[in-house]
């Protein structure tokens, strides 16, 4: 049997031994969420599903797009004999939303959050050579404060809301580790010091163990560095790079270093080993410019929602992830806003190696923090816990050049302080506490509530380039276009931070639907492809010509169901002349020219 999505799911932290559990599982829908009482934990399930595709998708073999509320999975697995004596970790890359896992009828793990990975430690439950029965129940009510991104709360798709995802939607897999073992590395590039800072948490650490790291590039070994672990949970190492081997990661040259990490006992016997990689790149703010390695690179971003006709939020293949990046670059973009979805790790891996910059964001849209009766404590705790899991997973990826905890929150500035103020501040502080190396945008568009936010932005879907230019001419005087009415502002005062229009365009084009009965986009429907191109060029030029804009984000890469304002169709066919779109974007932006002129003086 061919295993779907068989590639290693965690490419930035690799161990040689692993077992992919994708493929056919027993499956059953439990709409009343009464399965536990009805004995689903102890009996075979009625249907079959192809994991890792969600039951709403065609690729799963189910294709049920109704509200599923709760679903159950069951599979019997033989753990490899050679893993005997090891601690077995069962990994779920993503399950939507509220998950319970049983091993041989014993509850092994609970997890809440539909976009982030979690693991079950099978110590005391199973080891190598054992046959185990895995049962998974996933509950998915889609009721706030559950973060769900763009998943529809109605039966059908509508507006900006799309087909739901329930249950397992990323790879399920196992690996053996020693009882004393490495955990995921945290790698911080330090360009000025020509150094990587490696932080490693160690499970069941004890004094006297040795952490050893070997740094390599294409020429071979650069150096091997080690330290003796002490009484702390985390061991830290500097991995210096000599000047003659120093090579920065950038969109122009996405150079990556390989790192082998080993954990040795007191007699220098190997306990655990893993490999990773890192890119040496720095991000700084210089006035209104965001610079990568000291260079002002205008961020020509595209909005990428990561949906697929046959897999919904799950790419049908690893190649499909690569194809989406190549499609974006072919159209002249150098990066993306990964919009309202925590993209799978392999997408970020490909972005790392292809030099594709991204902004990562939390999928909160549609929760509406201002909904009556919703407790701000629920939002703050739920959001922060799941957002920190995503950041912890993705911290070491060089392609990520900014974090965005919230999207399109809206509420008037009022007295007293509102739950939106508290939630926004919670998310900002959580982001800043975990990562001080990247800029943070408190909320993309609409309500900015955190005075210390590193970046300001707005969303502007005005379709007339002349009016669009009027909107944004005040930025130089500190009066940017912001969302919401001017007489009842939604945002705090702008204080000169780097600014970009993080959503614009969205030009609707469906040659076969002139009445908007089957599709929609922003603004008046263009009369021809030529009018689309003229409008696209005019809007882009307004932002490229503005020396106070560090970038933009065009909506969007592909059509997504009924929202047909992409540069490609939903099935990834180009709708326009890509060479022309690329040429429109390729001229240097005003902020790049100003930065070069300033540096030459």
Protein backbone atom coordinates (compact mmCIF):
# COMPACT_ATOMS: atom_id res chain seq x y z
CA UNK A 1 0.00 0.00 0.00
CA UNK A 2 1.24 3.49 -0.87
CA UNK A 3 1.53 5.64 2.25
CA UNK A 4 0.11 9.16 1.72
CA UNK A 5 2.36 12.06 2.68
CA UNK A 6 5.24 9.69 3.58
CA UNK A 7 7.96 12.33 3.97
CA UNK A 8 9.53 13.08 7.35
CA UNK A 9 7.15 15.59 9.00
CA UNK A 10 9.66 17.47 11.20
CA UNK A 11 12.57 18.37 8.89
CA UNK A 12 14.19 20.85 11.26
CA UNK A 13 14.65 18.22 13.95
CA UNK A 14 15.41 14.80 12.49
CA UNK A 15 16.09 11.43 14.09
CA UNK A 16 16.95 8.44 11.88
CA UNK A 17 14.41 5.98 13.33
CA UNK A 18 10.73 6.69 12.83
CA UNK A 19 7.51 5.04 11.69
CA UNK A 20 4.89 6.84 9.58
CA UNK A 21 1.34 5.94 10.59
CA UNK A 22 -0.42 7.63 7.70
CA UNK A 23 -2.74 5.45 5.66
CA UNK A 24 -5.98 3.63 6.37
CA UNK A 25 -7.51 3.91 9.85
CA UNK A 26 -10.89 2.82 11.18
CA UNK A 27 -13.20 5.84 11.47
CA UNK A 28 -16.62 6.83 12.72
CA UNK A 29 -18.56 10.09 13.01
CA UNK A 30 -20.03 10.78 16.45
CA UNK A 31 -22.37 13.74 15.89
CA UNK A 32 -23.90 13.57 19.35
CA UNK A 33 -20.48 13.25 21.04
CA UNK A 34 -21.80 10.22 22.91
CA UNK A 35 -19.26 7.74 21.59
CA UNK A 36 -17.54 7.18 24.91
CA UNK A 37 -20.85 6.26 26.51
CA UNK A 38 -21.78 4.06 23.54
CA UNK A 39 -18.56 2.06 23.71
CA UNK A 40 -16.63 3.36 20.68
CA UNK A 41 -13.44 3.13 22.72
CA UNK A 42 -13.76 -0.66 22.92
CA UNK A 43 -15.10 -1.75 19.54
CA UNK A 44 -14.23 -1.55 15.85
CA UNK A 45 -15.40 1.55 13.99
CA UNK A 46 -17.80 1.45 11.06
CA UNK A 47 -15.92 3.31 8.33
CA UNK A 48 -12.40 3.69 6.93
CA UNK A 49 -10.44 6.91 6.35
CA UNK A 50 -7.11 7.83 4.77
CA UNK A 51 -4.98 9.72 7.30
CA UNK A 52 -3.70 12.50 7.27
CA UNK A 53 -6.62 13.91 5.28
CA UNK A 54 -9.60 15.27 7.19
CA UNK A 55 -12.99 13.58 6.73
CA UNK A 56 -14.40 16.64 4.94
CA UNK A 57 -11.84 16.19 2.13
CA UNK A 58 -12.08 14.03 -0.97
CA UNK A 59 -8.59 12.62 -0.35
CA UNK A 60 -9.74 11.10 2.94
CA UNK A 61 -12.19 8.84 1.13
CA UNK A 62 -15.04 10.26 3.25
CA UNK A 63 -15.89 13.68 1.80
CA UNK A 64 -18.50 14.58 4.43
CA UNK A 65 -18.73 18.38 4.70
CA UNK A 66 -21.50 18.48 7.29
CA UNK A 67 -20.89 19.46 10.91
CA UNK A 68 -19.20 16.41 12.42
CA UNK A 69 -18.87 17.61 16.05
CA UNK A 70 -16.85 14.56 17.12
CA UNK A 71 -14.98 11.87 15.20
CA UNK A 72 -13.19 8.68 16.24
CA UNK A 73 -10.14 6.92 14.81
CA UNK A 74 -8.75 3.47 15.56
CA UNK A 75 -5.65 1.60 14.40
CA UNK A 76 -3.61 -1.36 15.61
CA UNK A 77 0.15 -0.90 15.25
CA UNK A 78 3.10 -3.24 15.76
CA UNK A 79 5.99 -1.28 17.28
CA UNK A 80 9.30 -2.37 15.69
CA UNK A 81 11.13 -5.02 17.71
CA UNK A 82 14.41 -3.10 17.58
CA UNK A 83 12.82 -0.30 19.60
CA UNK A 84 12.61 -2.54 22.68
CA UNK A 85 13.79 -0.81 25.84
CA UNK A 86 13.29 2.64 24.31
CA UNK A 87 10.75 5.26 25.26
CA UNK A 88 8.20 5.48 22.42
CA UNK A 89 6.78 8.84 21.38
CA UNK A 90 3.56 8.95 19.36
CA UNK A 91 3.36 12.26 17.49
CA UNK A 92 0.35 14.05 16.00
CA UNK A 93 1.37 16.98 13.82
CA UNK A 94 -2.13 18.53 13.98
CA UNK A 95 -5.61 17.40 15.05
CA UNK A 96 -8.59 19.76 15.04
CA UNK A 97 -9.59 20.51 17.79
CA UNK A 98 -10.07 18.92 21.23
CA UNK A 99 -8.25 15.57 21.20
CA UNK A 100 -8.04 12.58 23.50
CA UNK A 101 -5.73 9.63 22.75
CA UNK A 102 -6.04 6.17 24.29
CA UNK A 103 -3.44 3.40 24.07
CA UNK A 104 -4.87 -0.08 24.69
CA UNK A 105 -7.83 1.55 26.40
CA UNK A 106 -5.73 3.74 28.72
CA UNK A 107 -5.95 7.52 28.29
CA UNK A 108 -2.48 8.69 27.23
CA UNK A 109 -2.91 12.35 26.25
CA UNK A 110 -5.31 15.25 25.91
CA UNK A 111 -4.63 18.28 23.74
CA UNK A 112 -6.59 21.36 22.74
CA UNK A 113 -5.68 23.29 19.61
CA UNK A 114 -6.23 22.47 15.95
CA UNK A 115 -3.01 23.78 14.41
CA UNK A 116 -0.10 22.61 16.56
CA UNK A 117 1.64 19.27 17.23
CA UNK A 118 1.55 17.21 20.39
CA UNK A 119 3.09 13.94 21.53
CA UNK A 120 2.07 10.96 23.65
CA UNK A 121 4.78 9.42 25.80
CA UNK A 122 4.08 5.66 25.80
CA UNK A 123 6.47 4.94 28.65
CA UNK A 124 4.75 2.44 30.93
CA UNK A 125 2.21 1.64 28.20
CA UNK A 126 4.24 0.02 25.42
CA UNK A 127 7.73 -0.53 24.04
CA UNK A 128 9.41 -2.14 21.03
CA UNK A 129 7.85 -5.42 19.92
CA UNK A 130 4.45 -4.64 21.42
CA UNK A 131 1.24 -4.42 19.43
CA UNK A 132 -0.92 -1.50 20.49
CA UNK A 133 -4.36 -0.18 19.65
CA UNK A 134 -4.50 3.58 19.20
CA UNK A 135 -7.89 5.27 19.58
CA UNK A 136 -8.33 8.98 18.94
CA UNK A 137 -11.40 11.12 19.59
CA UNK A 138 -11.45 14.65 18.18
CA UNK A 139 -14.19 17.08 19.16
CA UNK A 140 -14.73 20.16 17.01
CA UNK A 141 -17.62 22.46 17.89
CA UNK A 142 -16.39 25.56 15.98
CA UNK A 143 -17.79 27.72 18.82
CA UNK A 144 -15.75 30.70 20.10
CA UNK A 145 -13.31 31.11 21.72
CA UNK A 146 -12.05 28.14 19.68
CA UNK A 147 -9.49 29.51 17.18
CA UNK A 148 -10.47 28.18 13.77
CA UNK A 149 -9.13 30.60 11.19
CA UNK A 150 -11.36 30.64 8.10
CA UNK A 151 -13.47 27.56 8.89
CA UNK A 152 -17.16 28.14 8.25
CA UNK A 153 -19.68 28.27 11.08
CA UNK A 154 -22.52 27.70 8.61
CA UNK A 155 -23.23 24.53 6.67
CA UNK A 156 -22.05 26.02 3.39
CA UNK A 157 -19.04 28.14 2.55
CA UNK A 158 -19.79 31.85 2.53
CA UNK A 159 -17.91 35.14 2.33
CA UNK A 160 -14.38 34.56 3.59
CA UNK A 161 -15.27 31.28 5.31
CA UNK A 162 -14.45 27.90 3.87
CA UNK A 163 -15.01 24.18 4.32
CA UNK A 164 -14.27 22.99 7.85
CA UNK A 165 -11.49 20.64 8.92
CA UNK A 166 -12.22 18.13 11.69
CA UNK A 167 -9.90 15.60 13.28
CA UNK A 168 -6.48 14.47 12.06
CA UNK A 169 -5.17 16.61 9.21
CA UNK A 170 -1.40 16.24 9.43
CA UNK A 171 0.95 13.28 9.74
CA UNK A 172 0.77 10.77 12.60
CA UNK A 173 4.06 9.05 13.42
CA UNK A 174 6.22 7.33 16.05
CA UNK A 175 9.84 7.45 17.08
CA UNK A 176 11.97 5.76 19.78
CA UNK A 177 14.10 7.82 22.16
CA UNK A 178 16.17 7.12 25.23
CA UNK A 179 14.65 7.90 28.60
CA UNK A 180 17.24 10.67 28.87
CA UNK A 181 16.91 12.45 25.53
CA UNK A 182 17.15 15.66 23.57
CA UNK A 183 14.15 17.88 23.05
CA UNK A 184 13.55 20.28 20.19
CA UNK A 185 16.47 22.71 19.70
CA UNK A 186 16.07 26.44 19.87
CA UNK A 187 18.56 28.15 17.53
CA UNK A 188 19.15 31.90 17.58
CA UNK A 189 21.32 33.39 14.82
CA UNK A 190 23.67 36.17 15.94
CA UNK A 191 24.99 37.84 12.79
CA UNK A 192 27.19 40.43 14.52
CA UNK A 193 28.93 37.69 16.52
CA UNK A 194 29.01 35.29 13.56
CA UNK A 195 27.46 32.73 15.86
CA UNK A 196 24.51 30.42 16.46
CA UNK A 197 23.19 30.20 20.00
CA UNK A 198 21.95 26.65 20.56
CA UNK A 199 19.64 25.96 23.50
CA UNK A 200 18.66 22.37 24.22
CA UNK A 201 16.23 21.12 26.78
CA UNK A 202 17.01 17.60 27.93
CA UNK A 203 14.42 15.17 29.22
CA UNK A 204 15.50 13.60 32.51
CA UNK A 205 18.70 15.62 32.53
CA UNK A 206 21.33 14.86 35.14
CA UNK A 207 24.71 16.42 35.98
CA UNK A 208 27.68 15.10 34.02
CA UNK A 209 26.08 14.51 30.64
CA UNK A 210 27.77 16.04 27.62
CA UNK A 211 26.00 18.01 24.91
CA UNK A 212 27.97 18.08 21.67
CA UNK A 213 27.17 19.91 18.44
CA UNK A 214 28.95 19.72 15.10
CA UNK A 215 28.44 22.58 12.64
CA UNK A 216 28.88 21.94 8.89
CA UNK A 217 28.52 23.69 5.59
CA UNK A 218 29.14 22.58 2.02
CA UNK A 219 32.89 22.52 2.60
CA UNK A 220 32.63 20.15 5.55
CA UNK A 221 32.98 20.45 9.32
CA UNK A 222 33.36 23.99 10.68
CA UNK A 223 33.71 23.00 14.30
CA UNK A 224 32.57 20.71 17.09
CA UNK A 225 31.51 22.31 20.36
CA UNK A 226 30.50 20.75 23.65
CA UNK A 227 29.54 21.45 27.25
CA UNK A 228 28.82 19.44 30.36
CA UNK A 229 25.21 19.66 31.44
CA UNK A 230 24.58 20.90 34.93
CA UNK A 231 21.58 21.21 37.18
CA UNK A 232 19.58 23.29 34.70
CA UNK A 233 16.85 21.96 32.44
CA UNK A 234 18.43 23.66 29.43
CA UNK A 235 21.99 23.35 28.13
CA UNK A 236 23.39 26.13 25.92
CA UNK A 237 26.19 26.21 23.39
CA UNK A 238 27.74 28.85 21.16
CA UNK A 239 28.52 27.64 17.62
CA UNK A 240 30.91 30.29 16.25
CA UNK A 241 31.54 30.57 12.51
CA UNK A 242 34.94 31.85 11.32
CA UNK A 243 34.77 34.83 8.98
CA UNK A 244 36.00 32.83 5.99
CA UNK A 245 33.02 30.44 6.39
CA UNK A 246 30.46 33.10 7.25
CA UNK A 247 27.61 33.16 4.74
CA UNK A 248 24.34 34.90 5.49
CA UNK A 249 20.85 33.57 4.76
CA UNK A 250 18.78 35.92 2.65
CA UNK A 251 16.16 35.79 -0.12
CA UNK A 252 19.06 36.26 -2.54
CA UNK A 253 21.15 33.47 -1.03
CA UNK A 254 19.22 31.08 1.28
CA UNK A 255 22.32 29.42 2.68
CA UNK A 256 21.77 26.87 5.44
CA UNK A 257 24.24 25.29 7.87
CA UNK A 258 23.79 21.71 9.06
CA UNK A 259 24.04 20.89 12.75
CA UNK A 260 24.42 17.47 14.33
CA UNK A 261 23.48 17.35 18.01
CA UNK A 262 24.56 14.52 20.31
CA UNK A 263 23.93 13.71 23.95
CA UNK A 264 26.64 11.61 25.62
CA UNK A 265 26.80 9.97 29.02
CA UNK A 266 29.60 10.32 31.57
CA UNK A 267 31.69 7.74 29.65
CA UNK A 268 31.08 9.52 26.29
CA UNK A 269 28.73 6.82 25.08
CA UNK A 270 26.03 8.08 22.72
CA UNK A 271 22.60 8.44 24.34
CA UNK A 272 20.71 10.44 21.71
CA UNK A 273 21.38 12.05 18.36
CA UNK A 274 19.46 14.38 16.05
CA UNK A 275 20.19 16.66 13.12
CA UNK A 276 18.92 20.13 12.33
CA UNK A 277 19.86 23.17 10.24
CA UNK A 278 20.00 26.93 10.67
CA UNK A 279 20.31 30.12 8.67
CA UNK A 280 22.51 33.01 9.79
CA UNK A 281 20.39 36.09 9.30
CA UNK A 282 19.50 39.17 11.29
CA UNK A 283 16.42 41.39 11.30
CA UNK A 284 16.54 45.02 12.36
CA UNK A 285 14.33 48.09 12.27
CA UNK A 286 15.95 51.24 10.89
CA UNK A 287 13.45 54.09 10.91
CA UNK A 288 10.57 52.90 8.76
CA UNK A 289 12.58 50.13 7.12
CA UNK A 290 12.74 46.51 8.19
CA UNK A 291 16.15 45.27 7.16
CA UNK A 292 17.41 41.74 6.63
CA UNK A 293 21.15 41.53 7.33
CA UNK A 294 21.29 45.32 7.23
CA UNK A 295 19.71 45.53 3.78
CA UNK A 296 16.33 47.12 3.12
CA UNK A 297 14.44 44.48 1.15
CA UNK A 298 10.98 45.57 0.11
CA UNK A 299 8.64 42.81 1.17
CA UNK A 300 6.56 41.89 -1.87
CA UNK A 301 4.25 39.54 -0.04
CA UNK A 302 1.21 37.62 -1.19
CA UNK A 303 -1.64 36.40 1.00
CA UNK A 304 -1.48 32.60 1.11
CA UNK A 305 -4.36 30.78 2.80
CA UNK A 306 -3.05 27.26 2.22
CA UNK A 307 -6.28 25.59 1.04
CA UNK A 308 -6.52 22.85 -1.58
CA UNK A 309 -9.59 21.60 -3.52
CA UNK A 310 -8.99 17.95 -2.66
CA UNK A 311 -7.22 18.16 0.73
CA UNK A 312 -8.74 21.37 2.20
CA UNK A 313 -6.04 22.49 4.69
CA UNK A 314 -3.79 19.50 3.93
CA UNK A 315 -1.59 19.68 0.85
CA UNK A 316 -2.13 16.60 -1.34
CA UNK A 317 1.64 16.08 -1.59
CA UNK A 318 4.91 17.55 -0.43
CA UNK A 319 5.51 18.75 -3.97
CA UNK A 320 2.32 20.82 -3.74
CA UNK A 321 3.95 22.88 -0.98
CA UNK A 322 6.97 23.53 -3.18
CA UNK A 323 4.72 24.35 -6.13
CA UNK A 324 2.87 27.03 -4.16
CA UNK A 325 6.13 28.78 -3.27
CA UNK A 326 7.36 28.53 -6.86
CA UNK A 327 4.04 29.93 -8.13
CA UNK A 328 4.38 32.92 -5.82
CA UNK A 329 7.98 33.58 -6.83
CA UNK A 330 7.10 33.20 -10.51
CA UNK A 331 4.61 36.05 -10.06
CA UNK A 332 7.31 38.29 -8.55
CA UNK A 333 6.67 37.91 -4.83
CA UNK A 334 9.51 37.26 -2.39
CA UNK A 335 7.35 36.05 0.48
CA UNK A 336 3.90 35.58 1.96
CA UNK A 337 1.61 36.25 4.85
CA UNK A 338 0.70 32.72 5.93
CA UNK A 339 -2.88 33.70 6.56
CA UNK A 340 -5.12 32.36 9.32
CA UNK A 341 -3.52 28.95 9.42
CA UNK A 342 -0.39 27.56 11.07
CA UNK A 343 1.23 26.03 8.03
CA UNK A 344 2.79 22.59 8.30
CA UNK A 345 6.47 22.37 9.13
CA UNK A 346 7.46 21.12 5.70
CA UNK A 347 6.20 24.32 4.10
CA UNK A 348 8.55 26.32 6.31
CA UNK A 349 11.38 23.90 5.52
CA UNK A 350 10.92 24.55 1.80
CA UNK A 351 10.67 28.30 2.43
CA UNK A 352 13.95 28.12 4.38
CA UNK A 353 15.81 26.41 1.57
CA UNK A 354 14.21 28.48 -1.23
CA UNK A 355 14.74 31.90 0.39
CA UNK A 356 11.05 32.70 0.75
CA UNK A 357 10.28 35.11 3.59
CA UNK A 358 7.06 34.71 5.58
CA UNK A 359 5.01 36.32 8.33
CA UNK A 360 3.48 33.76 10.64
CA UNK A 361 0.14 34.45 12.29
CA UNK A 362 -2.33 32.94 14.70
CA UNK A 363 -5.65 31.71 13.20
CA UNK A 364 -7.98 33.73 15.42
CA UNK A 365 -10.11 35.34 12.69
CA UNK A 366 -13.81 34.81 13.09
CA UNK A 367 -13.64 34.41 16.89
CA UNK A 368 -14.72 38.00 17.44
CA UNK A 369 -13.25 38.85 20.81
CA UNK A 370 -15.97 41.47 21.26
CA UNK A 371 -18.82 38.93 21.13
CA UNK A 372 -21.22 39.48 24.06
CA UNK A 373 -20.86 37.09 26.95
CA UNK A 374 -17.41 35.87 26.01
CA UNK A 375 -14.97 35.88 28.89
CA UNK A 376 -11.71 37.70 28.18
CA UNK A 377 -9.89 35.17 30.34
CA UNK A 378 -11.02 32.41 27.98
CA UNK A 379 -9.64 34.25 24.98
CA UNK A 380 -6.36 35.22 26.63
CA UNK A 381 -5.55 31.74 27.93
CA UNK A 382 -6.80 29.82 24.89
CA UNK A 383 -5.08 32.07 22.37
CA UNK A 384 -1.79 32.43 24.22
CA UNK A 385 -1.38 28.72 24.94
CA UNK A 386 -1.93 27.69 21.33
CA UNK A 387 0.05 30.58 19.84
CA UNK A 388 3.04 29.80 22.05
CA UNK A 389 2.93 26.18 20.88
CA UNK A 390 3.14 27.39 17.28
CA UNK A 391 5.99 29.77 18.05
CA UNK A 392 7.91 27.11 19.97
CA UNK A 393 7.62 24.79 16.97
CA UNK A 394 8.74 27.42 14.46
CA UNK A 395 11.20 29.63 16.36
CA UNK A 396 14.32 28.41 14.55
CA UNK A 397 13.11 28.83 10.95
CA UNK A 398 15.09 31.62 9.23
CA UNK A 399 12.31 32.23 6.69
CA UNK A 400 10.04 33.68 9.39
CA UNK A 401 10.79 37.39 9.61
CA UNK A 402 7.79 38.53 11.66
CA UNK A 403 5.02 37.38 14.00
CA UNK A 404 1.39 38.47 13.91
CA UNK A 405 -0.69 37.19 16.86
CA UNK A 406 -4.07 38.62 15.76
CA UNK A 407 -5.89 39.50 12.55
CA UNK A 408 -8.64 42.07 11.94
CA UNK A 409 -9.74 42.58 15.50
CA UNK A 410 -12.11 45.52 15.67
CA UNK A 411 -13.58 47.63 18.43
CA UNK A 412 -13.76 51.33 19.16
CA UNK A 413 -11.35 52.83 21.63
CA UNK A 414 -13.46 53.12 24.77
CA UNK A 415 -13.25 53.84 28.44
CA UNK A 416 -12.78 51.60 30.38
CA UNK A 417 -10.28 49.13 28.94
CA UNK A 418 -11.96 46.30 27.03
CA UNK A 419 -11.34 42.58 26.71
CA UNK A 420 -9.81 43.26 23.28
CA UNK A 421 -7.16 45.46 24.90
CA UNK A 422 -6.31 42.72 27.39
CA UNK A 423 -6.27 39.93 24.80
CA UNK A 424 -4.11 41.92 22.38
CA UNK A 425 -1.66 42.78 25.11
CA UNK A 426 -1.54 39.18 26.33
CA UNK A 427 -0.74 37.94 22.84
CA UNK A 428 1.86 40.65 22.22
CA UNK A 429 3.66 40.04 25.52
CA UNK A 430 3.59 36.27 25.02
CA UNK A 431 5.13 36.72 21.57
CA UNK A 432 7.79 39.12 22.76
CA UNK A 433 8.63 36.92 25.77
CA UNK A 434 9.36 33.92 23.56
CA UNK A 435 11.19 35.79 20.79
CA UNK A 436 13.08 39.07 20.98
CA UNK A 437 14.73 38.65 17.57
CA UNK A 438 11.80 39.35 15.23
CA UNK A 439 9.37 42.26 14.86
CA UNK A 440 5.84 41.76 16.20
CA UNK A 441 2.68 43.17 14.63
CA UNK A 442 0.05 43.26 17.38
CA UNK A 443 -2.87 42.85 14.96
CA UNK A 444 -3.01 42.81 11.20
CA UNK A 445 -5.39 45.57 10.17
CA UNK A 446 -8.20 47.25 12.09
CA UNK A 447 -7.59 47.63 15.87
CA UNK A 448 -4.03 48.30 16.99
CA UNK A 449 -4.01 48.28 20.77
CA UNK A 450 -0.38 47.83 21.89
CA UNK A 451 1.71 51.05 21.95
CA UNK A 452 4.99 49.08 21.84
CA UNK A 453 4.08 47.13 18.71
CA UNK A 454 7.05 47.05 16.32
CA UNK A 455 4.97 47.43 13.17
CA UNK A 456 1.79 49.23 12.09
CA UNK A 457 -0.40 48.34 9.13
CA UNK A 458 -3.80 48.63 7.54
CA UNK A 459 -5.99 46.72 5.11
CA UNK A 460 -7.23 48.68 2.12
CA UNK A 461 -9.27 47.14 -0.67
CA UNK A 462 -9.91 50.39 -2.51
CA UNK A 463 -9.81 49.50 -6.21
CA UNK A 464 -9.20 52.91 -7.78
CA UNK A 465 -5.43 53.64 -7.77
CA UNK A 466 -5.96 57.41 -7.51
CA UNK A 467 -8.18 57.09 -4.44
CA UNK A 468 -5.83 54.45 -3.05
CA UNK A 469 -2.94 56.93 -3.37
CA UNK A 470 -4.97 59.59 -1.52
CA UNK A 471 -5.49 57.13 1.33
CA UNK A 472 -1.78 56.62 1.87
CA UNK A 473 -0.18 59.98 1.13
CA UNK A 474 -0.40 61.03 4.80
CA UNK A 475 2.03 58.40 6.04
CA UNK A 476 5.03 60.69 5.64
CA UNK A 477 3.43 63.18 8.06
CA UNK A 478 2.63 60.48 10.59
CA UNK A 479 -1.01 60.25 9.57
CA UNK A 480 -1.39 56.83 7.94
CA UNK A 481 -4.57 55.33 6.57
CA UNK A 482 -6.02 53.18 9.34
CA UNK A 483 -9.11 51.01 9.38
CA UNK A 484 -12.22 52.27 11.12
CA UNK A 485 -14.00 55.63 11.22
CA UNK A 486 -11.84 58.65 11.95
CA UNK A 487 -14.35 60.16 14.36
CA UNK A 488 -14.55 56.91 16.38
CA UNK A 489 -11.05 55.43 16.07
CA UNK A 490 -10.31 51.74 16.50
CA UNK A 491 -6.54 52.11 16.92
CA UNK A 492 -4.17 53.82 19.29
CA UNK A 493 -1.97 56.66 18.01
CA UNK A 494 0.58 55.80 15.31
CA UNK A 495 4.11 56.57 16.52
CA UNK A 496 6.25 56.25 13.40
CA UNK A 497 6.78 52.49 13.26
CA UNK A 498 7.51 50.68 10.00
CA UNK A 499 4.25 50.59 8.05
CA UNK A 500 2.80 48.44 5.30
CA UNK A 501 -0.54 47.70 3.69
CA UNK A 502 -0.86 44.07 4.67
CA UNK A 503 -3.96 43.39 2.55
CA UNK A 504 -4.86 45.12 -0.70
CA UNK A 505 -5.99 44.28 -4.20
CA UNK A 506 -8.23 41.24 -4.11
CA UNK A 507 -9.27 42.00 -7.68
CA UNK A 508 -12.18 39.76 -8.60
CA UNK A 509 -11.81 37.89 -11.84
CA UNK A 510 -13.90 34.96 -12.98
CA UNK A 511 -14.39 35.11 -16.71
CA UNK A 512 -17.38 32.77 -16.53
CA UNK A 513 -19.26 34.47 -13.68
CA UNK A 514 -20.24 38.00 -14.59
CA UNK A 515 -23.07 38.25 -12.09
CA UNK A 516 -21.24 37.17 -8.90
CA UNK A 517 -23.66 34.28 -8.42
CA UNK A 518 -20.86 31.76 -7.90
CA UNK A 519 -17.93 33.89 -6.79
CA UNK A 520 -16.84 37.20 -5.36
CA UNK A 521 -13.89 39.54 -5.01
CA UNK A 522 -13.29 43.12 -4.00
CA UNK A 523 -14.59 46.13 -5.89
CA UNK A 524 -16.32 46.51 -9.21
CA UNK A 525 -15.76 43.67 -11.63
CA UNK A 526 -13.14 44.56 -14.27
CA UNK A 527 -14.41 44.41 -17.82
CA UNK A 528 -11.36 42.62 -19.17
CA UNK A 529 -8.05 41.01 -18.25
CA UNK A 530 -6.35 44.19 -19.44
CA UNK A 531 -8.33 46.18 -16.87
CA UNK A 532 -7.20 43.72 -14.17
CA UNK A 533 -3.57 44.29 -15.16
CA UNK A 534 -3.95 48.06 -15.24
CA UNK A 535 -5.57 48.07 -11.82
CA UNK A 536 -2.95 45.72 -10.37
CA UNK A 537 -0.12 47.88 -11.68
CA UNK A 538 -1.69 51.10 -10.42
CA UNK A 539 -2.25 49.77 -6.91
CA UNK A 540 1.24 48.25 -6.65
CA UNK A 541 2.87 51.44 -7.92
CA UNK A 542 1.24 53.52 -5.17
CA UNK A 543 2.97 51.40 -2.53
CA UNK A 544 6.25 50.90 -4.41
CA UNK A 545 6.50 54.68 -4.89
CA UNK A 546 5.97 55.45 -1.20
CA UNK A 547 9.36 55.78 0.56
CA UNK A 548 7.70 55.15 3.93
CA UNK A 549 6.31 51.70 3.04
CA UNK A 550 8.54 48.72 3.86
CA UNK A 551 6.37 46.29 1.93
CA UNK A 552 2.90 45.14 0.97
CA UNK A 553 0.77 42.02 0.86
CA UNK A 554 -1.45 41.39 -2.16
CA UNK A 555 -4.67 39.41 -1.81
CA UNK A 556 -4.22 36.64 -2.91
CA UNK A 557 -2.15 33.79 -4.37
CA UNK A 558 -4.98 31.47 -5.42
CA UNK A 559 -8.74 31.54 -5.58
CA UNK A 560 -10.15 29.88 -2.46
CA UNK A 561 -13.54 28.34 -3.04
CA UNK A 562 -16.02 31.19 -3.74
CA UNK A 563 -13.43 33.90 -3.06
CA UNK A 564 -12.08 34.22 -6.58
CA UNK A 565 -9.61 37.06 -6.41
CA UNK A 566 -6.43 35.04 -6.79
CA UNK A 567 -3.67 35.24 -9.37
CA UNK A 568 -4.16 31.51 -9.85
CA UNK A 569 -7.31 29.41 -9.87
CA UNK A 570 -8.06 27.17 -6.90
CA UNK A 571 -6.56 24.23 -8.79
CA UNK A 572 -3.37 26.26 -9.37
CA UNK A 573 -3.74 27.35 -13.02
CA UNK A 574 -2.50 30.89 -13.82
CA UNK A 575 -5.29 33.37 -14.57
CA UNK A 576 -3.09 36.12 -15.97
CA UNK A 577 0.22 36.82 -17.72
CA UNK A 578 2.65 36.02 -14.91
CA UNK A 579 5.61 37.65 -16.64
CA UNK A 580 3.72 40.91 -16.73
CA UNK A 581 2.69 40.62 -13.08
CA UNK A 582 6.27 39.86 -12.18
CA UNK A 583 7.61 42.79 -14.20
CA UNK A 584 5.22 45.21 -12.48
CA UNK A 585 6.69 44.27 -9.10
CA UNK A 586 10.37 44.04 -10.00
CA UNK A 587 11.39 47.67 -10.09
CA UNK A 588 13.14 48.87 -6.91
CA UNK A 589 10.84 50.27 -4.25
CA UNK A 590 11.30 53.82 -3.05
CA UNK A 591 12.33 52.70 0.44
CA UNK A 592 15.08 50.49 -1.05
CA UNK A 593 16.43 53.35 -3.13
CA UNK A 594 16.33 55.72 -0.15
CA UNK A 595 18.20 53.22 2.01
CA UNK A 596 20.91 52.76 -0.63
CA UNK A 597 21.27 56.52 -1.07
CA UNK A 598 21.57 56.97 2.69
CA UNK A 599 24.22 54.24 3.04
CA UNK A 600 26.34 55.71 0.23
CA UNK A 601 26.67 59.07 1.98
